[in-house]
Amino acid sequence: MSNPVVTIKNHASRSVFIEGDPNWDDQVLLMNQQPLAQMAELKPDQSVQLSVEWNGPANEYMMGVIFADGPDYDYGGDGFYQLTLGQQAESGLLDVTEGAGEAKVGYTVTLQTPWTMTMDFADN
């Protein structure tokens, strides 16, 4: 089996904050192959790789991630996206399979393969 790997690139003028979705309580989100224990800040012009250890066949629900335009997205005024990342059933490519939210930064998905993709964040 393989592990899904998502390269995150921040082209925005502000930081992007990354955190595992708390609804996925059994998920260990990896950032640059290290467990992400708390919210991480990705400053402008930086990039990281997100992954999880995956021990089964690919599906649409492999990772749950929150991307925010500030650290106080939960109760404050910062915007965020709460996304599910996995392999699209129709195309077989890694993609955003479910999501909601709004933020001052937007994202596009590029360079997709069945197990990898890139998310480029930029100002909205």
PDB file of N, CA and C in Angstrom:
ATOM      1  N   MET A   1       0.831  -1.182   0.000  1.00  0.00           N
ATOM      2  CA  MET A   1       0.000   0.000   0.000  1.00  0.00           C
ATOM      3  C   MET A   1       0.880   1.252   0.000  1.00  0.00           C
ATOM      4  N   SER A   2       0.278   2.375  -0.344  1.00  0.00           N
ATOM      5  CA  SER A   2       0.974   3.659  -0.382  1.00  0.00           C
ATOM      6  C   SER A   2       0.378   4.613   0.628  1.00  0.00           C
ATOM      7  N   ASN A   3       1.084   5.708   0.855  1.00  0.00           N
ATOM      8  CA  ASN A   3       0.582   6.777   1.703  1.00  0.00           C
ATOM      9  C   ASN A   3       0.254   7.978   0.828  1.00  0.00           C
ATOM     10  N   PRO A   4      -0.889   8.637   1.055  1.00  0.00           N
ATOM     11  CA  PRO A   4      -1.176   9.847   0.305  1.00  0.00           C
ATOM     12  C   PRO A   4      -0.227  10.958   0.745  1.00  0.00           C
ATOM     13  N   VAL A   5       0.280  11.720  -0.217  1.00  0.00           N
ATOM     14  CA  VAL A   5       1.196  12.825   0.083  1.00  0.00           C
ATOM     15  C   VAL A   5       0.687  14.066  -0.642  1.00  0.00           C
ATOM     16  N   VAL A   6       0.473  15.124   0.139  1.00  0.00           N
ATOM     17  CA  VAL A   6      -0.026  16.390  -0.402  1.00  0.00           C
ATOM     18  C   VAL A   6       1.032  17.456  -0.148  1.00  0.00           C
ATOM     19  N   THR A   7       1.531  18.059  -1.213  1.00  0.00           N
ATOM     20  CA  THR A   7       2.469  19.173  -1.093  1.00  0.00           C
ATOM     21  C   THR A   7       1.662  20.454  -0.994  1.00  0.00           C
ATOM     22  N   ILE A   8       1.906  21.221   0.064  1.00  0.00           N
ATOM     23  CA  ILE A   8       1.205  22.484   0.304  1.00  0.00           C
ATOM     24  C   ILE A   8       2.192  23.608   0.043  1.00  0.00           C
ATOM     25  N   LYS A   9       1.828  24.533  -0.851  1.00  0.00           N
ATOM     26  CA  LYS A   9       2.672  25.692  -1.162  1.00  0.00           C
ATOM     27  C   LYS A   9       1.896  26.965  -0.837  1.00  0.00           C
ATOM     28  N   ASN A  10       2.518  27.848  -0.076  1.00  0.00           N
ATOM     29  CA  ASN A  10       1.863  29.103   0.300  1.00  0.00           C
ATOM     30  C   ASN A  10       2.404  30.238  -0.559  1.00  0.00           C
ATOM     31  N   HIS A  11       1.591  30.695  -1.514  1.00  0.00           N
ATOM     32  CA  HIS A  11       1.928  31.833  -2.356  1.00  0.00           C
ATOM     33  C   HIS A  11       1.194  33.091  -1.884  1.00  0.00           C
ATOM     34  N   ALA A  12       0.473  33.008  -0.779  1.00  0.00           N
ATOM     35  CA  ALA A  12      -0.319  34.130  -0.271  1.00  0.00           C
ATOM     36  C   ALA A  12       0.571  35.145   0.439  1.00  0.00           C
ATOM     37  N   SER A  13       0.014  36.302   0.700  1.00  0.00           N
ATOM     38  CA  SER A  13       0.742  37.347   1.428  1.00  0.00           C
ATOM     39  C   SER A  13       0.618  37.171   2.936  1.00  0.00           C
ATOM     40  N   ARG A  14      -0.111  36.186   3.371  1.00  0.00           N
ATOM     41  CA  ARG A  14      -0.308  35.892   4.802  1.00  0.00           C
ATOM     42  C   ARG A  14      -0.002  34.426   5.062  1.00  0.00           C
ATOM     43  N   SER A  15       0.165  34.101   6.317  1.00  0.00           N
ATOM     44  CA  SER A  15       0.409  32.705   6.694  1.00  0.00           C
ATOM     45  C   SER A  15      -0.848  31.868   6.505  1.00  0.00           C
ATOM     46  N   VAL A  16      -0.642  30.586   6.277  1.00  0.00           N
ATOM     47  CA  VAL A  16      -1.711  29.595   6.258  1.00  0.00           C
ATOM     48  C   VAL A  16      -1.463  28.681   7.449  1.00  0.00           C
ATOM     49  N   PHE A  17      -2.499  28.446   8.238  1.00  0.00           N
ATOM     50  CA  PHE A  17      -2.388  27.610   9.427  1.00  0.00           C
ATOM     51  C   PHE A  17      -3.000  26.249   9.118  1.00  0.00           C
ATOM     52  N   ILE A  18      -2.304  25.194   9.530  1.00  0.00           N
ATOM     53  CA  ILE A  18      -2.670  23.827   9.180  1.00  0.00           C
ATOM     54  C   ILE A  18      -2.871  23.021  10.458  1.00  0.00           C
ATOM     55  N   GLU A  19      -3.964  22.279  10.478  1.00  0.00           N
ATOM     56  CA  GLU A  19      -4.265  21.443  11.642  1.00  0.00           C
ATOM     57  C   GLU A  19      -5.067  20.228  11.182  1.00  0.00           C
ATOM     58  N   GLY A  20      -4.860  19.106  11.849  1.00  0.00           N
ATOM     59  CA  GLY A  20      -5.685  17.938  11.571  1.00  0.00           C
ATOM     60  C   GLY A  20      -7.111  18.197  12.008  1.00  0.00           C
ATOM     61  N   ASP A  21      -8.054  17.653  11.286  1.00  0.00           N
ATOM     62  CA  ASP A  21      -9.469  17.811  11.620  1.00  0.00           C
ATOM     63  C   ASP A  21      -9.757  17.051  12.913  1.00  0.00           C
ATOM     64  N   PRO A  22     -10.283  17.723  13.951  1.00  0.00           N
ATOM     65  CA  PRO A  22     -10.547  17.032  15.221  1.00  0.00           C
ATOM     66  C   PRO A  22     -11.618  15.949  15.106  1.00  0.00           C
ATOM     67  N   ASN A  23     -12.422  15.982  14.062  1.00  0.00           N
ATOM     68  CA  ASN A  23     -13.411  14.921  13.851  1.00  0.00           C
ATOM     69  C   ASN A  23     -12.756  13.607  13.437  1.00  0.00           C
ATOM     70  N   TRP A  24     -11.505  13.674  13.018  1.00  0.00           N
ATOM     71  CA  TRP A  24     -10.749  12.491  12.624  1.00  0.00           C
ATOM     72  C   TRP A  24      -9.819  12.128  13.787  1.00  0.00           C
ATOM     73  N   ASP A  25     -10.383  11.763  14.928  1.00  0.00           N
ATOM     74  CA  ASP A  25      -9.603  11.595  16.154  1.00  0.00           C
ATOM     75  C   ASP A  25      -8.608  10.436  16.107  1.00  0.00           C
ATOM     76  N   ASP A  26      -8.752   9.506  15.175  1.00  0.00           N
ATOM     77  CA  ASP A  26      -7.782   8.411  15.080  1.00  0.00           C
ATOM     78  C   ASP A  26      -6.701   8.681  14.035  1.00  0.00           C
ATOM     79  N   GLN A  27      -6.754   9.833  13.385  1.00  0.00           N
ATOM     80  CA  GLN A  27      -5.781  10.195  12.349  1.00  0.00           C
ATOM     81  C   GLN A  27      -4.528  10.810  12.973  1.00  0.00           C
ATOM     82  N   VAL A  28      -3.374  10.381  12.496  1.00  0.00           N
ATOM     83  CA  VAL A  28      -2.118  11.033  12.859  1.00  0.00           C
ATOM     84  C   VAL A  28      -1.631  11.731  11.594  1.00  0.00           C
ATOM     85  N   LEU A  29      -1.852  13.030  11.531  1.00  0.00           N
ATOM     86  CA  LEU A  29      -1.425  13.811  10.382  1.00  0.00           C
ATOM     87  C   LEU A  29       0.077  14.027  10.469  1.00  0.00           C
ATOM     88  N   LEU A  30       0.766  13.774   9.376  1.00  0.00           N
ATOM     89  CA  LEU A  30       2.222  13.939   9.328  1.00  0.00           C
ATOM     90  C   LEU A  30       2.565  15.175   8.498  1.00  0.00           C
ATOM     91  N   MET A  31       3.444  16.003   9.035  1.00  0.00           N
ATOM     92  CA  MET A  31       3.963  17.153   8.307  1.00  0.00           C
ATOM     93  C   MET A  31       5.451  16.927   8.119  1.00  0.00           C
ATOM     94  N   ASN A  32       5.880  16.863   6.865  1.00  0.00           N
ATOM     95  CA  ASN A  32       7.280  16.539   6.563  1.00  0.00           C
ATOM     96  C   ASN A  32       7.727  15.290   7.314  1.00  0.00           C
ATOM     97  N   GLN A  33       6.867  14.288   7.317  1.00  0.00           N
ATOM     98  CA  GLN A  33       7.104  12.962   7.895  1.00  0.00           C
ATOM     99  C   GLN A  33       7.175  12.941   9.420  1.00  0.00           C
ATOM    100  N   GLN A  34       6.767  14.038  10.083  1.00  0.00           N
ATOM    101  CA  GLN A  34       6.743  14.094  11.543  1.00  0.00           C
ATOM    102  C   GLN A  34       5.301  14.301  12.004  1.00  0.00           C
ATOM    103  N   PRO A  35       4.868  13.640  13.097  1.00  0.00           N
ATOM    104  CA  PRO A  35       3.501  13.838  13.582  1.00  0.00           C
ATOM    105  C   PRO A  35       3.236  15.312  13.902  1.00  0.00           C
ATOM    106  N   LEU A  36       2.098  15.794  13.448  1.00  0.00           N
ATOM    107  CA  LEU A  36       1.691  17.170  13.700  1.00  0.00           C
ATOM    108  C   LEU A  36       0.867  17.184  14.978  1.00  0.00           C
ATOM    109  N   ALA A  37       1.485  17.590  16.082  1.00  0.00           N
ATOM    110  CA  ALA A  37       0.840  17.550  17.391  1.00  0.00           C
ATOM    111  C   ALA A  37      -0.045  18.765  17.650  1.00  0.00           C
ATOM    112  N   GLN A  38       0.231  19.866  16.970  1.00  0.00           N
ATOM    113  CA  GLN A  38      -0.553  21.087  17.170  1.00  0.00           C
ATOM    114  C   GLN A  38      -0.585  21.858  15.857  1.00  0.00           C
ATOM    115  N   MET A  39      -1.372  22.912  15.840  1.00  0.00           N
ATOM    116  CA  MET A  39      -1.495  23.726  14.638  1.00  0.00           C
ATOM    117  C   MET A  39      -0.125  24.219  14.189  1.00  0.00           C
ATOM    118  N   ALA A  40       0.101  24.201  12.875  1.00  0.00           N
ATOM    119  CA  ALA A  40       1.366  24.664  12.311  1.00  0.00           C
ATOM    120  C   ALA A  40       1.117  25.880  11.433  1.00  0.00           C
ATOM    121  N   GLU A  41       2.073  26.777  11.421  1.00  0.00           N
ATOM    122  CA  GLU A  41       1.999  27.979  10.596  1.00  0.00           C
ATOM    123  C   GLU A  41       2.906  27.811   9.381  1.00  0.00           C
ATOM    124  N   LEU A  42       2.324  27.979   8.214  1.00  0.00           N
ATOM    125  CA  LEU A  42       3.077  27.940   6.968  1.00  0.00           C
ATOM    126  C   LEU A  42       3.157  29.379   6.458  1.00  0.00           C
ATOM    127  N   LYS A  43       4.332  29.974   6.590  1.00  0.00           N
ATOM    128  CA  LYS A  43       4.523  31.376   6.217  1.00  0.00           C
ATOM    129  C   LYS A  43       4.549  31.536   4.696  1.00  0.00           C
ATOM    130  N   PRO A  44       4.358  32.767   4.222  1.00  0.00           N
ATOM    131  CA  PRO A  44       4.413  32.997   2.774  1.00  0.00           C
ATOM    132  C   PRO A  44       5.718  32.471   2.174  1.00  0.00           C
ATOM    133  N   ASP A  45       5.606  31.917   0.980  1.00  0.00           N
ATOM    134  CA  ASP A  45       6.724  31.369   0.208  1.00  0.00           C
ATOM    135  C   ASP A  45       7.336  30.116   0.829  1.00  0.00           C
ATOM    136  N   GLN A  46       6.633  29.466   1.747  1.00  0.00           N
ATOM    137  CA  GLN A  46       7.093  28.199   2.299  1.00  0.00           C
ATOM    138  C   GLN A  46       6.226  27.059   1.755  1.00  0.00           C
ATOM    139  N   SER A  47       6.739  25.848   1.863  1.00  0.00           N
ATOM    140  CA  SER A  47       5.967  24.677   1.478  1.00  0.00           C
ATOM    141  C   SER A  47       6.248  23.528   2.441  1.00  0.00           C
ATOM    142  N   VAL A  48       5.303  22.613   2.543  1.00  0.00           N
ATOM    143  CA  VAL A  48       5.434  21.418   3.384  1.00  0.00           C
ATOM    144  C   VAL A  48       4.738  20.262   2.674  1.00  0.00           C
ATOM    145  N   GLN A  49       4.983  19.065   3.185  1.00  0.00           N
ATOM    146  CA  GLN A  49       4.257  17.892   2.714  1.00  0.00           C
ATOM    147  C   GLN A  49       3.420  17.344   3.858  1.00  0.00           C
ATOM    148  N   LEU A  50       2.154  17.062   3.564  1.00  0.00           N
ATOM    149  CA  LEU A  50       1.250  16.441   4.525  1.00  0.00           C
ATOM    150  C   LEU A  50       0.980  15.015   4.088  1.00  0.00           C
ATOM    151  N   SER A  51       0.827  14.140   5.069  1.00  0.00           N
ATOM    152  CA  SER A  51       0.558  12.747   4.767  1.00  0.00           C
ATOM    153  C   SER A  51      -0.076  12.078   5.976  1.00  0.00           C
ATOM    154  N   VAL A  52      -0.488  10.864   5.793  1.00  0.00           N
ATOM    155  CA  VAL A  52      -0.895   9.964   6.869  1.00  0.00           C
ATOM    156  C   VAL A  52      -0.372   8.587   6.511  1.00  0.00           C
ATOM    157  N   GLU A  53      -0.160   7.760   7.516  1.00  0.00           N
ATOM    158  CA  GLU A  53       0.188   6.369   7.240  1.00  0.00           C
ATOM    159  C   GLU A  53      -1.091   5.660   6.841  1.00  0.00           C
ATOM    160  N   TRP A  54      -1.100   5.088   5.659  1.00  0.00           N
ATOM    161  CA  TRP A  54      -2.318   4.487   5.114  1.00  0.00           C
ATOM    162  C   TRP A  54      -2.096   3.004   4.895  1.00  0.00           C
ATOM    163  N   ASN A  55      -2.932   2.178   5.521  1.00  0.00           N
ATOM    164  CA  ASN A  55      -2.733   0.724   5.472  1.00  0.00           C
ATOM    165  C   ASN A  55      -3.891   0.000   4.810  1.00  0.00           C
ATOM    166  N   GLY A  56      -4.467   0.593   3.814  1.00  0.00           N
ATOM    167  CA  GLY A  56      -5.575  -0.060   3.132  1.00  0.00           C
ATOM    168  C   GLY A  56      -5.676   0.424   1.710  1.00  0.00           C
ATOM    169  N   PRO A  57      -6.700  -0.028   1.010  1.00  0.00           N
ATOM    170  CA  PRO A  57      -6.885   0.472  -0.349  1.00  0.00           C
ATOM    171  C   PRO A  57      -7.286   1.943  -0.317  1.00  0.00           C
ATOM    172  N   ALA A  58      -6.943   2.654  -1.349  1.00  0.00           N
ATOM    173  CA  ALA A  58      -7.279   4.081  -1.414  1.00  0.00           C
ATOM    174  C   ALA A  58      -8.786   4.272  -1.407  1.00  0.00           C
ATOM    175  N   ASN A  59      -9.214   5.384  -0.798  1.00  0.00           N
ATOM    176  CA  ASN A  59     -10.626   5.746  -0.852  1.00  0.00           C
ATOM    177  C   ASN A  59     -10.760   7.270  -0.784  1.00  0.00           C
ATOM    178  N   GLU A  60     -11.970   7.746  -0.728  1.00  0.00           N
ATOM    179  CA  GLU A  60     -12.230   9.186  -0.758  1.00  0.00           C
ATOM    180  C   GLU A  60     -11.978   9.873   0.586  1.00  0.00           C
ATOM    181  N   TYR A  61     -11.734   9.114   1.629  1.00  0.00           N
ATOM    182  CA  TYR A  61     -11.643   9.671   2.986  1.00  0.00           C
ATOM    183  C   TYR A  61     -10.329   9.295   3.655  1.00  0.00           C
ATOM    184  N   MET A  62      -9.215   9.698   3.078  1.00  0.00           N
ATOM    185  CA  MET A  62      -7.923   9.302   3.635  1.00  0.00           C
ATOM    186  C   MET A  62      -7.361  10.317   4.618  1.00  0.00           C
ATOM    187  N   MET A  63      -7.704  11.614   4.472  1.00  0.00           N
ATOM    188  CA  MET A  63      -7.146  12.642   5.356  1.00  0.00           C
ATOM    189  C   MET A  63      -8.205  13.696   5.649  1.00  0.00           C
ATOM    190  N   GLY A  64      -8.211  14.179   6.874  1.00  0.00           N
ATOM    191  CA  GLY A  64      -9.052  15.310   7.255  1.00  0.00           C
ATOM    192  C   GLY A  64      -8.158  16.444   7.726  1.00  0.00           C
ATOM    193  N   VAL A  65      -8.234  17.599   7.055  1.00  0.00           N
ATOM    194  CA  VAL A  65      -7.318  18.708   7.334  1.00  0.00           C
ATOM    195  C   VAL A  65      -8.090  20.023   7.383  1.00  0.00           C
ATOM    196  N   ILE A  66      -7.668  20.897   8.282  1.00  0.00           N
ATOM    197  CA  ILE A  66      -8.196  22.256   8.337  1.00  0.00           C
ATOM    198  C   ILE A  66      -7.083  23.208   7.924  1.00  0.00           C
ATOM    199  N   PHE A  67      -7.397  24.078   6.972  1.00  0.00           N
ATOM    200  CA  PHE A  67      -6.500  25.143   6.530  1.00  0.00           C
ATOM    201  C   PHE A  67      -7.177  26.454   6.896  1.00  0.00           C
ATOM    202  N   ALA A  68      -6.466  27.332   7.627  1.00  0.00           N
ATOM    203  CA  ALA A  68      -7.064  28.585   8.086  1.00  0.00           C
ATOM    204  C   ALA A  68      -6.177  29.767   7.735  1.00  0.00           C
ATOM    205  N   ASP A  69      -6.796  30.944   7.666  1.00  0.00           N
ATOM    206  CA  ASP A  69      -6.015  32.151   7.395  1.00  0.00           C
ATOM    207  C   ASP A  69      -5.600  32.862   8.681  1.00  0.00           C
ATOM    208  N   GLY A  70      -5.831  32.232   9.819  1.00  0.00           N
ATOM    209  CA  GLY A  70      -5.393  32.745  11.112  1.00  0.00           C
ATOM    210  C   GLY A  70      -5.527  31.669  12.159  1.00  0.00           C
ATOM    211  N   PRO A  71      -4.893  31.837  13.310  1.00  0.00           N
ATOM    212  CA  PRO A  71      -4.901  30.782  14.321  1.00  0.00           C
ATOM    213  C   PRO A  71      -6.197  30.674  15.113  1.00  0.00           C
ATOM    214  N   ASP A  72      -7.074  31.667  15.023  1.00  0.00           N
ATOM    215  CA  ASP A  72      -8.295  31.679  15.838  1.00  0.00           C
ATOM    216  C   ASP A  72      -9.524  31.403  14.979  1.00  0.00           C
ATOM    217  N   TYR A  73      -9.457  30.357  14.175  1.00  0.00           N
ATOM    218  CA  TYR A  73     -10.562  30.055  13.270  1.00  0.00           C
ATOM    219  C   TYR A  73     -11.750  29.434  13.994  1.00  0.00           C
ATOM    220  N   ASP A  74     -11.503  28.777  15.128  1.00  0.00           N
ATOM    221  CA  ASP A  74     -12.557  28.034  15.803  1.00  0.00           C
ATOM    222  C   ASP A  74     -13.614  28.959  16.415  1.00  0.00           C
ATOM    223  N   TYR A  75     -13.196  29.988  17.147  1.00  0.00           N
ATOM    224  CA  TYR A  75     -14.139  30.886  17.801  1.00  0.00           C
ATOM    225  C   TYR A  75     -13.924  32.342  17.423  1.00  0.00           C
ATOM    226  N   GLY A  76     -12.900  32.626  16.647  1.00  0.00           N
ATOM    227  CA  GLY A  76     -12.595  34.005  16.280  1.00  0.00           C
ATOM    228  C   GLY A  76     -13.112  34.338  14.907  1.00  0.00           C
ATOM    229  N   GLY A  77     -12.516  35.330  14.305  1.00  0.00           N
ATOM    230  CA  GLY A  77     -12.973  35.789  13.014  1.00  0.00           C
ATOM    231  C   GLY A  77     -12.159  35.276  11.853  1.00  0.00           C
ATOM    232  N   ASP A  78     -11.221  34.362  12.094  1.00  0.00           N
ATOM    233  CA  ASP A  78     -10.380  33.865  11.005  1.00  0.00           C
ATOM    234  C   ASP A  78     -11.166  32.876  10.146  1.00  0.00           C
ATOM    235  N   GLY A  79     -10.906  32.926   8.841  1.00  0.00           N
ATOM    236  CA  GLY A  79     -11.566  32.017   7.923  1.00  0.00           C
ATOM    237  C   GLY A  79     -10.840  30.691   7.839  1.00  0.00           C
ATOM    238  N   PHE A  80     -11.547  29.665   7.353  1.00  0.00           N
ATOM    239  CA  PHE A  80     -10.926  28.343   7.256  1.00  0.00           C
ATOM    240  C   PHE A  80     -11.651  27.471   6.244  1.00  0.00           C
ATOM    241  N   TYR A  81     -10.944  26.415   5.832  1.00  0.00           N
ATOM    242  CA  TYR A  81     -11.504  25.341   5.019  1.00  0.00           C
ATOM    243  C   TYR A  81     -11.358  24.045   5.807  1.00  0.00           C
ATOM    244  N   GLN A  82     -12.423  23.294   5.943  1.00  0.00           N
ATOM    245  CA  GLN A  82     -12.398  21.984   6.574  1.00  0.00           C
ATOM    246  C   GLN A  82     -12.566  20.972   5.443  1.00  0.00           C
ATOM    247  N   LEU A  83     -11.472  20.264   5.114  1.00  0.00           N
ATOM    248  CA  LEU A  83     -11.433  19.467   3.890  1.00  0.00           C
ATOM    249  C   LEU A  83     -11.159  17.990   4.151  1.00  0.00           C
ATOM    250  N   THR A  84     -11.737  17.174   3.307  1.00  0.00           N
ATOM    251  CA  THR A  84     -11.417  15.756   3.245  1.00  0.00           C
ATOM    252  C   THR A  84     -10.622  15.540   1.969  1.00  0.00           C
ATOM    253  N   LEU A  85      -9.503  14.863   2.092  1.00  0.00           N
ATOM    254  CA  LEU A  85      -8.643  14.584   0.955  1.00  0.00           C
ATOM    255  C   LEU A  85      -8.580  13.077   0.749  1.00  0.00           C
ATOM    256  N   GLY A  86      -8.722  12.668  -0.480  1.00  0.00           N
ATOM    257  CA  GLY A  86      -8.679  11.249  -0.789  1.00  0.00           C
ATOM    258  C   GLY A  86      -8.705  11.030  -2.285  1.00  0.00           C
ATOM    259  N   GLN A  87      -8.828   9.779  -2.665  1.00  0.00           N
ATOM    260  CA  GLN A  87      -8.804   9.429  -4.076  1.00  0.00           C
ATOM    261  C   GLN A  87     -10.231   9.501  -4.640  1.00  0.00           C
ATOM    262  N   GLN A  88     -10.408  10.323  -5.674  1.00  0.00           N
ATOM    263  CA  GLN A  88     -11.710  10.447  -6.323  1.00  0.00           C
ATOM    264  C   GLN A  88     -12.094   9.117  -6.958  1.00  0.00           C
ATOM    265  N   ALA A  89     -13.317   8.692  -6.727  1.00  0.00           N
ATOM    266  CA  ALA A  89     -13.780   7.416  -7.283  1.00  0.00           C
ATOM    267  C   ALA A  89     -13.810   7.446  -8.813  1.00  0.00           C
ATOM    268  N   GLU A  90     -14.220   8.587  -9.384  1.00  0.00           N
ATOM    269  CA  GLU A  90     -14.364   8.665 -10.837  1.00  0.00           C
ATOM    270  C   GLU A  90     -13.017   8.696 -11.554  1.00  0.00           C
ATOM    271  N   SER A  91     -12.088   9.501 -11.057  1.00  0.00           N
ATOM    272  CA  SER A  91     -10.818   9.702 -11.762  1.00  0.00           C
ATOM    273  C   SER A  91      -9.679   8.836 -11.226  1.00  0.00           C
ATOM    274  N   GLY A  92      -9.780   8.407  -9.966  1.00  0.00           N
ATOM    275  CA  GLY A  92      -8.691   7.666  -9.344  1.00  0.00           C
ATOM    276  C   GLY A  92      -7.545   8.549  -8.884  1.00  0.00           C
ATOM    277  N   LEU A  93      -7.720   9.883  -8.953  1.00  0.00           N
ATOM    278  CA  LEU A  93      -6.670  10.817  -8.566  1.00  0.00           C
ATOM    279  C   LEU A  93      -6.913  11.356  -7.156  1.00  0.00           C
ATOM    280  N   LEU A  94      -5.833  11.675  -6.466  1.00  0.00           N
ATOM    281  CA  LEU A  94      -5.935  12.312  -5.156  1.00  0.00           C
ATOM    282  C   LEU A  94      -6.519  13.702  -5.349  1.00  0.00           C
ATOM    283  N   ASP A  95      -7.464  14.095  -4.481  1.00  0.00           N
ATOM    284  CA  ASP A  95      -8.169  15.364  -4.664  1.00  0.00           C
ATOM    285  C   ASP A  95      -8.862  15.749  -3.363  1.00  0.00           C
ATOM    286  N   VAL A  96      -9.465  16.923  -3.347  1.00  0.00           N
ATOM    287  CA  VAL A  96     -10.360  17.335  -2.276  1.00  0.00           C
ATOM    288  C   VAL A  96     -11.693  16.663  -2.566  1.00  0.00           C
ATOM    289  N   THR A  97     -12.127  15.766  -1.682  1.00  0.00           N
ATOM    290  CA  THR A  97     -13.343  15.000  -1.940  1.00  0.00           C
ATOM    291  C   THR A  97     -14.558  15.558  -1.217  1.00  0.00           C
ATOM    292  N   GLU A  98     -14.343  16.294  -0.146  1.00  0.00           N
ATOM    293  CA  GLU A  98     -15.422  16.988   0.555  1.00  0.00           C
ATOM    294  C   GLU A  98     -14.820  18.227   1.173  1.00  0.00           C
ATOM    295  N   GLY A  99     -15.632  19.254   1.323  1.00  0.00           N
ATOM    296  CA  GLY A  99     -15.088  20.435   1.955  1.00  0.00           C
ATOM    297  C   GLY A  99     -16.114  21.523   2.145  1.00  0.00           C
ATOM    298  N   ALA A 100     -15.810  22.364   3.096  1.00  0.00           N
ATOM    299  CA  ALA A 100     -16.644  23.519   3.390  1.00  0.00           C
ATOM    300  C   ALA A 100     -15.751  24.606   3.962  1.00  0.00           C
ATOM    301  N   GLY A 101     -16.230  25.820   3.894  1.00  0.00           N
ATOM    302  CA  GLY A 101     -15.524  26.925   4.521  1.00  0.00           C
ATOM    303  C   GLY A 101     -15.250  28.056   3.567  1.00  0.00           C
ATOM    304  N   GLU A 102     -14.707  29.102   4.150  1.00  0.00           N
ATOM    305  CA  GLU A 102     -14.367  30.315   3.415  1.00  0.00           C
ATOM    306  C   GLU A 102     -13.200  30.972   4.129  1.00  0.00           C
ATOM    307  N   ALA A 103     -12.260  31.507   3.373  1.00  0.00           N
ATOM    308  CA  ALA A 103     -11.078  32.135   3.973  1.00  0.00           C
ATOM    309  C   ALA A 103     -10.571  33.243   3.066  1.00  0.00           C
ATOM    310  N   LYS A 104      -9.636  34.016   3.593  1.00  0.00           N
ATOM    311  CA  LYS A 104      -9.010  35.098   2.827  1.00  0.00           C
ATOM    312  C   LYS A 104      -7.976  34.560   1.847  1.00  0.00           C
ATOM    313  N   VAL A 105      -7.640  33.295   1.993  1.00  0.00           N
ATOM    314  CA  VAL A 105      -6.765  32.611   1.041  1.00  0.00           C
ATOM    315  C   VAL A 105      -7.607  31.564   0.321  1.00  0.00           C
ATOM    316  N   GLY A 106      -7.260  31.320  -0.928  1.00  0.00           N
ATOM    317  CA  GLY A 106      -7.926  30.283  -1.691  1.00  0.00           C
ATOM    318  C   GLY A 106      -6.903  29.243  -2.106  1.00  0.00           C
ATOM    319  N   TYR A 107      -7.375  28.128  -2.638  1.00  0.00           N
ATOM    320  CA  TYR A 107      -6.451  27.071  -3.052  1.00  0.00           C
ATOM    321  C   TYR A 107      -6.850  26.517  -4.408  1.00  0.00           C
ATOM    322  N   THR A 108      -5.857  26.014  -5.093  1.00  0.00           N
ATOM    323  CA  THR A 108      -6.071  25.246  -6.318  1.00  0.00           C
ATOM    324  C   THR A 108      -5.316  23.931  -6.160  1.00  0.00           C
ATOM    325  N   VAL A 109      -5.815  22.905  -6.797  1.00  0.00           N
ATOM    326  CA  VAL A 109      -5.204  21.581  -6.750  1.00  0.00           C
ATOM    327  C   VAL A 109      -4.569  21.309  -8.108  1.00  0.00           C
ATOM    328  N   THR A 110      -3.288  20.890  -8.097  1.00  0.00           N
ATOM    329  CA  THR A 110      -2.571  20.615  -9.332  1.00  0.00           C
ATOM    330  C   THR A 110      -1.718  19.353  -9.158  1.00  0.00           C
ATOM    331  N   LEU A 111      -1.087  18.946 -10.219  1.00  0.00           N
ATOM    332  CA  LEU A 111      -0.113  17.844 -10.226  1.00  0.00           C
ATOM    333  C   LEU A 111      -0.648  16.587  -9.531  1.00  0.00           C
ATOM    334  N   GLN A 112      -1.855  16.203  -9.884  1.00  0.00           N
ATOM    335  CA  GLN A 112      -2.506  15.069  -9.237  1.00  0.00           C
ATOM    336  C   GLN A 112      -2.067  13.731  -9.842  1.00  0.00           C
ATOM    337  N   THR A 113      -1.822  12.776  -8.960  1.00  0.00           N
ATOM    338  CA  THR A 113      -1.636  11.371  -9.305  1.00  0.00           C
ATOM    339  C   THR A 113      -2.548  10.591  -8.356  1.00  0.00           C
ATOM    340  N   PRO A 114      -2.611   9.268  -8.435  1.00  0.00           N
ATOM    341  CA  PRO A 114      -3.448   8.532  -7.494  1.00  0.00           C
ATOM    342  C   PRO A 114      -3.044   8.718  -6.027  1.00  0.00           C
ATOM    343  N   TRP A 115      -1.770   9.020  -5.742  1.00  0.00           N
ATOM    344  CA  TRP A 115      -1.319   9.103  -4.352  1.00  0.00           C
ATOM    345  C   TRP A 115      -0.683  10.445  -3.987  1.00  0.00           C
ATOM    346  N   THR A 116      -0.586  11.368  -4.911  1.00  0.00           N
ATOM    347  CA  THR A 116       0.025  12.667  -4.616  1.00  0.00           C
ATOM    348  C   THR A 116      -0.763  13.796  -5.279  1.00  0.00           C
ATOM    349  N   MET A 117      -0.619  14.988  -4.727  1.00  0.00           N
ATOM    350  CA  MET A 117      -1.165  16.191  -5.343  1.00  0.00           C
ATOM    351  C   MET A 117      -0.493  17.394  -4.701  1.00  0.00           C
ATOM    352  N   THR A 118      -0.653  18.540  -5.338  1.00  0.00           N
ATOM    353  CA  THR A 118      -0.152  19.799  -4.805  1.00  0.00           C
ATOM    354  C   THR A 118      -1.336  20.726  -4.592  1.00  0.00           C
ATOM    355  N   MET A 119      -1.323  21.415  -3.451  1.00  0.00           N
ATOM    356  CA  MET A 119      -2.311  22.468  -3.177  1.00  0.00           C
ATOM    357  C   MET A 119      -1.548  23.797  -3.098  1.00  0.00           C
ATOM    358  N   ASP A 120      -1.914  24.710  -3.978  1.00  0.00           N
ATOM    359  CA  ASP A 120      -1.309  26.039  -4.007  1.00  0.00           C
ATOM    360  C   ASP A 120      -2.275  27.020  -3.371  1.00  0.00           C
ATOM    361  N   PHE A 121      -1.829  27.683  -2.294  1.00  0.00           N
ATOM    362  CA  PHE A 121      -2.646  28.699  -1.625  1.00  0.00           C
ATOM    363  C   PHE A 121      -2.210  30.078  -2.087  1.00  0.00           C
ATOM    364  N   ALA A 122      -3.183  30.962  -2.314  1.00  0.00           N
ATOM    365  CA  ALA A 122      -2.923  32.336  -2.745  1.00  0.00           C
ATOM    366  C   ALA A 122      -4.015  33.234  -2.177  1.00  0.00           C
ATOM    367  N   ASP A 123      -3.770  34.535  -2.195  1.00  0.00           N
ATOM    368  CA  ASP A 123      -4.768  35.492  -1.716  1.00  0.00           C
ATOM    369  C   ASP A 123      -6.044  35.397  -2.565  1.00  0.00           C
ATOM    370  N   ASN A 124      -7.176  35.511  -1.924  1.00  0.00           N
ATOM    371  CA  ASN A 124      -8.463  35.557  -2.645  1.00  0.00           C
ATOM    372  C   ASN A 124      -8.670  36.930  -3.222  1.00  0.00           C
TER     373      ASN A 124
END
